[in-house]
Each structure stands twice: as C-alpha cells, then as structure tokens.
C-alpha cells in the first residue's frame, strides 16, 4: 500500500549519537515508502551548506542512500536549521520545501509548516525570525568563516534557551487563531507541523491539525496512507 512519512525536530548533533543511529535505522526501515517529509530542525544547528563536520558527512551519506533507493525526500527549514539550502538538498537528492506548503496527501490537500510561524504570541521570537529570514542577514552571516558561524550559532542557541526558560508555556505554543487563519487562507482542512514538541491531534473549527514530536527518548512520525493517517512513537534509546 502507498505510504508517506512525516518527521521533524530530530535536532541532530554530535553529542547525541543515539538520535543519529535512530535516523539511520528509520531510513533503512522505510526505504519502500512513497515519500518522506522532514518538517524542520533535522539539525540542532546549521551554519550553512558548506559545513564540513563529520556529523554532516554522516547524515549526507544516510540521506543519499535513502533517496537512491527510490523514495522522494522533502526537507523544510526549521528554526534551528533555517540556513539549510538548495546545495545540501541537491547533494542528498532532496527537494527544499517552502514553509508553508500545501501538498496533495492521497487526495487530501494538506498544509505543511515547521510551526514556529504559528507561535504569534511570542513577539520577541517573531521579530528575531523576521530578521534572520531576510536575504541580507543570511548573506552577511554566510560570508563569515565556518568557525565564526559556529561561535555565533552557539551563542544564539544559548540566548534562545535562556529566553525560553523565562517564557510562559502557552506563549511558546501555537496561537489557535493563527492556526485557523492558516487553514482558511490556504483553503485546506488538514495541517501537519512540528516545532512545539507537543505531539497530538487537534480538531479546530477550520480543520484538523497534527503535531509531530521531537526525537528524544522517543521518536515520532506520522504515517499516512490513502486510507488513514496515524501519529506514532517509537523508542530510540534501544536502537543499537
């Protein structure tokens, strides 16, 4: 039966080899799918497509093997890896997916987004997001050396964690009004996103919203077929 998978928020980094192993196993076990959509934050940090760390090389090789087996692979930028670009996608045989995008999921128009744009109550983050998504800001950053970018990325991550520790939980979740507006604006009745790390299925007036979880002690995926869609979790700590 045709099947498509969605994952997000793996936050891959060298200090978490268990998550890297989990992705390798996931890709090996699902090479017979129609497509895999990774909806942002595949990496915890992404400083540019010219990153030459062993982690990037390892993940590149895994994704190349996956796409060589036949499935389509779609990558979306997240709030951690928003500098992920077309060069990396070409290297792994993937297509860079604009955020947001509407796809035809076995006959059901479905809105895909990382999810951070829906957290409209977090005005501080939205201002930062607007600045860092501009071509001029990104060009200036990418003109720096890899070492300079790594230092800045670590500083930004520390600042983000400190800022989030002082924010109310509801501020960092999606705004229901933003969800309703997105569904109506794109004329769809179904949405899939990540970012919030709060896996669930929500029913809104305008449609259904599926939320992917992050890969920590558990991994999360959405499995879609022409007949059904399911949010599933699996233990990644036990993967050898």
Protein backbone atom coordinates (compact mmCIF):
# COMPACT_ATOMS: atom_id res chain seq x y z
CA UNK A 1 0.00 0.00 0.00
CA UNK A 2 1.27 3.52 -0.75
CA UNK A 3 2.65 5.23 2.35
CA UNK A 4 4.17 8.62 3.18
CA UNK A 5 6.01 9.57 6.37
CA UNK A 6 6.48 12.87 8.17
CA UNK A 7 9.08 13.58 10.85
CA UNK A 8 10.58 16.71 12.40
CA UNK A 9 12.65 18.06 15.27
CA UNK A 10 15.36 15.43 15.37
CA UNK A 11 17.83 18.12 16.47
CA UNK A 12 20.77 16.03 15.34
CA UNK A 13 24.11 16.87 16.93
CA UNK A 14 27.36 15.03 17.58
CA UNK A 15 26.70 14.82 21.32
CA UNK A 16 23.55 12.73 20.71
CA UNK A 17 24.71 9.70 18.69
CA UNK A 18 21.62 7.71 19.71
CA UNK A 19 19.42 10.05 17.68
CA UNK A 20 21.73 9.76 14.68
CA UNK A 21 21.55 5.97 14.93
CA UNK A 22 17.77 6.19 15.20
CA UNK A 23 17.59 8.16 11.96
CA UNK A 24 19.79 5.62 10.20
CA UNK A 25 17.53 2.79 11.32
CA UNK A 26 14.41 4.75 10.38
CA UNK A 27 15.70 5.41 6.87
CA UNK A 28 16.68 1.77 6.38
CA UNK A 29 13.29 0.50 7.54
CA UNK A 30 11.23 2.88 5.40
CA UNK A 31 13.02 2.83 2.06
CA UNK A 32 9.92 1.42 0.39
CA UNK A 33 7.75 4.48 1.11
CA UNK A 34 6.47 6.95 -1.48
CA UNK A 35 7.94 9.97 0.25
CA UNK A 36 9.48 11.28 3.44
CA UNK A 37 8.90 14.84 4.62
CA UNK A 38 11.26 16.26 7.25
CA UNK A 39 9.50 19.37 8.53
CA UNK A 40 12.35 21.33 10.04
CA UNK A 41 15.03 21.08 12.72
CA UNK A 42 16.66 17.99 11.30
CA UNK A 43 19.80 19.50 12.82
CA UNK A 44 20.19 21.28 16.14
CA UNK A 45 22.49 23.77 14.43
CA UNK A 46 23.04 24.51 10.75
CA UNK A 47 25.64 27.11 9.86
CA UNK A 48 25.48 26.71 6.08
CA UNK A 49 25.60 24.08 3.37
CA UNK A 50 29.40 24.24 3.42
CA UNK A 51 29.58 22.80 6.94
CA UNK A 52 32.29 20.13 6.94
CA UNK A 53 31.74 18.36 10.27
CA UNK A 54 31.71 14.54 10.46
CA UNK A 55 28.05 14.68 11.53
CA UNK A 56 27.03 16.46 8.35
CA UNK A 57 29.01 13.98 6.26
CA UNK A 58 27.36 11.05 8.03
CA UNK A 59 23.83 12.37 7.63
CA UNK A 60 24.51 13.28 4.00
CA UNK A 61 25.55 9.71 3.29
CA UNK A 62 22.45 8.30 5.02
CA UNK A 63 20.08 10.53 3.07
CA UNK A 64 21.85 9.78 -0.21
CA UNK A 65 21.38 6.05 0.34
CA UNK A 66 17.72 6.63 1.18
CA UNK A 67 16.90 8.65 -1.94
CA UNK A 68 18.96 6.27 -4.11
CA UNK A 69 16.54 3.52 -3.05
CA UNK A 70 13.67 5.41 -4.69
CA UNK A 71 11.59 7.45 -2.22
CA UNK A 72 11.09 11.17 -2.66
CA UNK A 73 12.62 13.28 0.10
CA UNK A 74 11.43 16.76 1.05
CA UNK A 75 13.25 18.99 3.52
CA UNK A 76 11.83 22.06 5.23
CA UNK A 77 13.83 24.58 7.22
CA UNK A 78 13.18 24.86 10.95
CA UNK A 79 14.06 27.48 13.50
CA UNK A 80 17.36 25.72 14.27
CA UNK A 81 18.42 24.91 10.70
CA UNK A 82 16.87 27.80 8.76
CA UNK A 83 20.11 28.20 6.77
CA UNK A 84 19.66 24.76 5.23
CA UNK A 85 19.73 25.36 1.50
CA UNK A 86 19.49 24.03 -2.03
CA UNK A 87 23.11 22.89 -2.19
CA UNK A 88 22.64 20.39 0.62
CA UNK A 89 19.34 19.26 -0.87
CA UNK A 90 20.99 18.61 -4.24
CA UNK A 91 23.73 16.59 -2.55
CA UNK A 92 21.25 14.28 -0.83
CA UNK A 93 18.70 14.12 -3.64
CA UNK A 94 16.02 16.06 -1.79
CA UNK A 95 13.74 18.94 -2.65
CA UNK A 96 13.73 22.04 -0.44
CA UNK A 97 10.15 22.69 0.59
CA UNK A 98 8.93 26.22 1.18
CA UNK A 99 7.37 26.97 4.56
CA UNK A 100 4.39 26.82 4.39
CA UNK A 101 3.49 24.48 1.53
CA UNK A 102 0.32 22.70 0.50
CA UNK A 103 0.57 19.13 -0.80
CA UNK A 104 -1.95 16.63 -2.08
CA UNK A 105 -1.77 13.85 0.50
CA UNK A 106 -3.60 10.98 -1.19
CA UNK A 107 -6.44 13.24 -2.23
CA UNK A 108 -6.47 15.47 0.87
CA UNK A 109 -4.99 18.97 0.49
CA UNK A 110 -2.65 19.30 3.48
CA UNK A 111 -0.78 22.33 4.79
CA UNK A 112 2.79 21.63 5.90
CA UNK A 113 4.78 24.02 8.07
CA UNK A 114 7.54 23.80 10.64
CA UNK A 115 5.22 25.53 13.08
CA UNK A 116 7.23 28.39 14.53
CA UNK A 117 5.39 30.95 12.40
CA UNK A 118 2.19 29.95 14.23
CA UNK A 119 3.58 30.95 17.64
CA UNK A 120 2.43 34.53 17.15
CA UNK A 121 2.09 35.29 20.87
CA UNK A 122 5.88 35.15 21.19
CA UNK A 123 6.53 38.63 19.80
CA UNK A 124 10.23 38.56 20.69
CA UNK A 125 10.83 35.37 18.72
CA UNK A 126 8.74 36.51 15.76
CA UNK A 127 10.84 39.67 15.50
CA UNK A 128 14.02 37.56 15.54
CA UNK A 129 12.54 35.20 12.96
CA UNK A 130 11.66 38.06 10.63
CA UNK A 131 15.20 39.45 10.80
CA UNK A 132 17.02 36.15 10.31
CA UNK A 133 14.94 35.12 7.31
CA UNK A 134 15.98 38.14 5.25
CA UNK A 135 18.40 37.53 2.38
CA UNK A 136 20.72 40.33 3.52
CA UNK A 137 21.08 38.96 7.07
CA UNK A 138 21.76 35.45 5.81
CA UNK A 139 24.24 36.62 3.17
CA UNK A 140 26.19 38.57 5.77
CA UNK A 141 26.31 35.56 8.07
CA UNK A 142 27.30 33.08 5.35
CA UNK A 143 30.14 35.37 4.30
CA UNK A 144 31.84 34.68 7.63
CA UNK A 145 34.21 31.79 8.26
CA UNK A 146 32.89 28.45 9.47
CA UNK A 147 34.49 28.97 12.88
CA UNK A 148 32.87 32.38 13.24
CA UNK A 149 29.49 30.95 12.29
CA UNK A 150 29.83 28.08 14.75
CA UNK A 151 30.60 30.51 17.56
CA UNK A 152 27.65 32.73 16.68
CA UNK A 153 25.32 29.73 16.37
CA UNK A 154 26.27 28.51 19.84
CA UNK A 155 25.72 31.98 21.25
CA UNK A 156 22.29 32.25 19.64
CA UNK A 157 21.31 28.82 20.95
CA UNK A 158 22.32 29.77 24.49
CA UNK A 159 20.38 33.02 24.24
CA UNK A 160 17.34 31.15 22.94
CA UNK A 161 17.39 28.64 25.80
CA UNK A 162 17.73 31.38 28.39
CA UNK A 163 14.90 33.38 26.85
CA UNK A 164 12.60 30.35 26.62
CA UNK A 165 13.21 29.45 30.27
CA UNK A 166 11.53 32.71 31.26
CA UNK A 167 8.53 32.42 28.94
CA UNK A 168 5.11 31.02 29.81
CA UNK A 169 4.34 27.67 28.19
CA UNK A 170 1.31 28.97 26.29
CA UNK A 171 3.38 31.72 24.67
CA UNK A 172 5.66 29.12 23.10
CA UNK A 173 2.74 27.09 21.75
CA UNK A 174 0.88 27.86 18.55
CA UNK A 175 -1.83 30.50 18.59
CA UNK A 176 -5.20 28.84 17.80
CA UNK A 177 -6.26 31.93 15.88
CA UNK A 178 -3.13 31.70 13.73
CA UNK A 179 -3.94 28.04 13.04
CA UNK A 180 -7.50 28.85 11.99
CA UNK A 181 -6.26 31.65 9.74
CA UNK A 182 -3.63 29.45 8.10
CA UNK A 183 -6.15 26.71 7.34
CA UNK A 184 -8.65 29.18 5.90
CA UNK A 185 -6.07 31.20 3.95
CA UNK A 186 -4.74 28.08 2.24
CA UNK A 187 -8.22 26.58 1.80
CA UNK A 188 -7.33 23.25 3.41
CA UNK A 189 -8.84 21.15 6.18
CA UNK A 190 -5.65 19.45 7.36
CA UNK A 191 -2.31 20.68 8.71
CA UNK A 192 0.88 18.93 9.82
CA UNK A 193 3.64 20.70 11.74
CA UNK A 194 6.36 20.26 14.36
CA UNK A 195 8.36 22.78 16.41
CA UNK A 196 6.38 22.76 19.67
CA UNK A 197 7.43 19.24 20.71
CA UNK A 198 3.82 18.58 21.76
CA UNK A 199 2.69 15.60 19.66
CA UNK A 200 -1.08 15.44 19.32
CA UNK A 201 -4.09 15.61 17.05
CA UNK A 202 -6.19 18.76 17.42
CA UNK A 203 -9.60 19.48 15.93
CA UNK A 204 -10.21 23.13 15.05
CA UNK A 205 -13.23 24.79 13.52
CA UNK A 206 -11.39 25.08 10.20
CA UNK A 207 -9.86 21.60 10.21
CA UNK A 208 -7.57 19.03 11.81
CA UNK A 209 -4.03 19.78 13.00
CA UNK A 210 -1.43 17.07 13.50
CA UNK A 211 1.61 17.91 15.63
CA UNK A 212 4.84 15.92 15.42
CA UNK A 213 7.02 15.34 18.46
CA UNK A 214 10.76 15.79 18.86
CA UNK A 215 13.20 12.89 18.90
CA UNK A 216 14.47 12.50 22.45
CA UNK A 217 13.88 9.30 24.41
CA UNK A 218 11.16 8.62 21.84
CA UNK A 219 10.99 9.25 18.14
CA UNK A 220 7.80 10.46 16.46
CA UNK A 221 6.39 10.07 12.98
CA UNK A 222 3.18 10.47 11.07
CA UNK A 223 2.32 7.58 8.79
CA UNK A 224 -0.14 8.42 6.03
CA UNK A 225 -1.80 6.06 3.55
CA UNK A 226 -4.73 6.57 1.17
CA UNK A 227 -6.99 5.18 3.92
CA UNK A 228 -5.60 6.53 7.18
CA UNK A 229 -3.20 8.83 9.00
CA UNK A 230 -1.58 7.95 12.32
CA UNK A 231 0.73 9.66 14.80
CA UNK A 232 3.17 7.05 16.09
CA UNK A 233 6.05 6.96 18.57
CA UNK A 234 8.94 4.55 18.99
CA UNK A 235 11.79 4.03 21.44
CA UNK A 236 15.08 5.33 20.07
CA UNK A 237 17.22 4.57 23.10
CA UNK A 238 17.11 0.84 22.39
CA UNK A 239 18.35 1.16 18.80
CA UNK A 240 21.88 -0.20 18.50
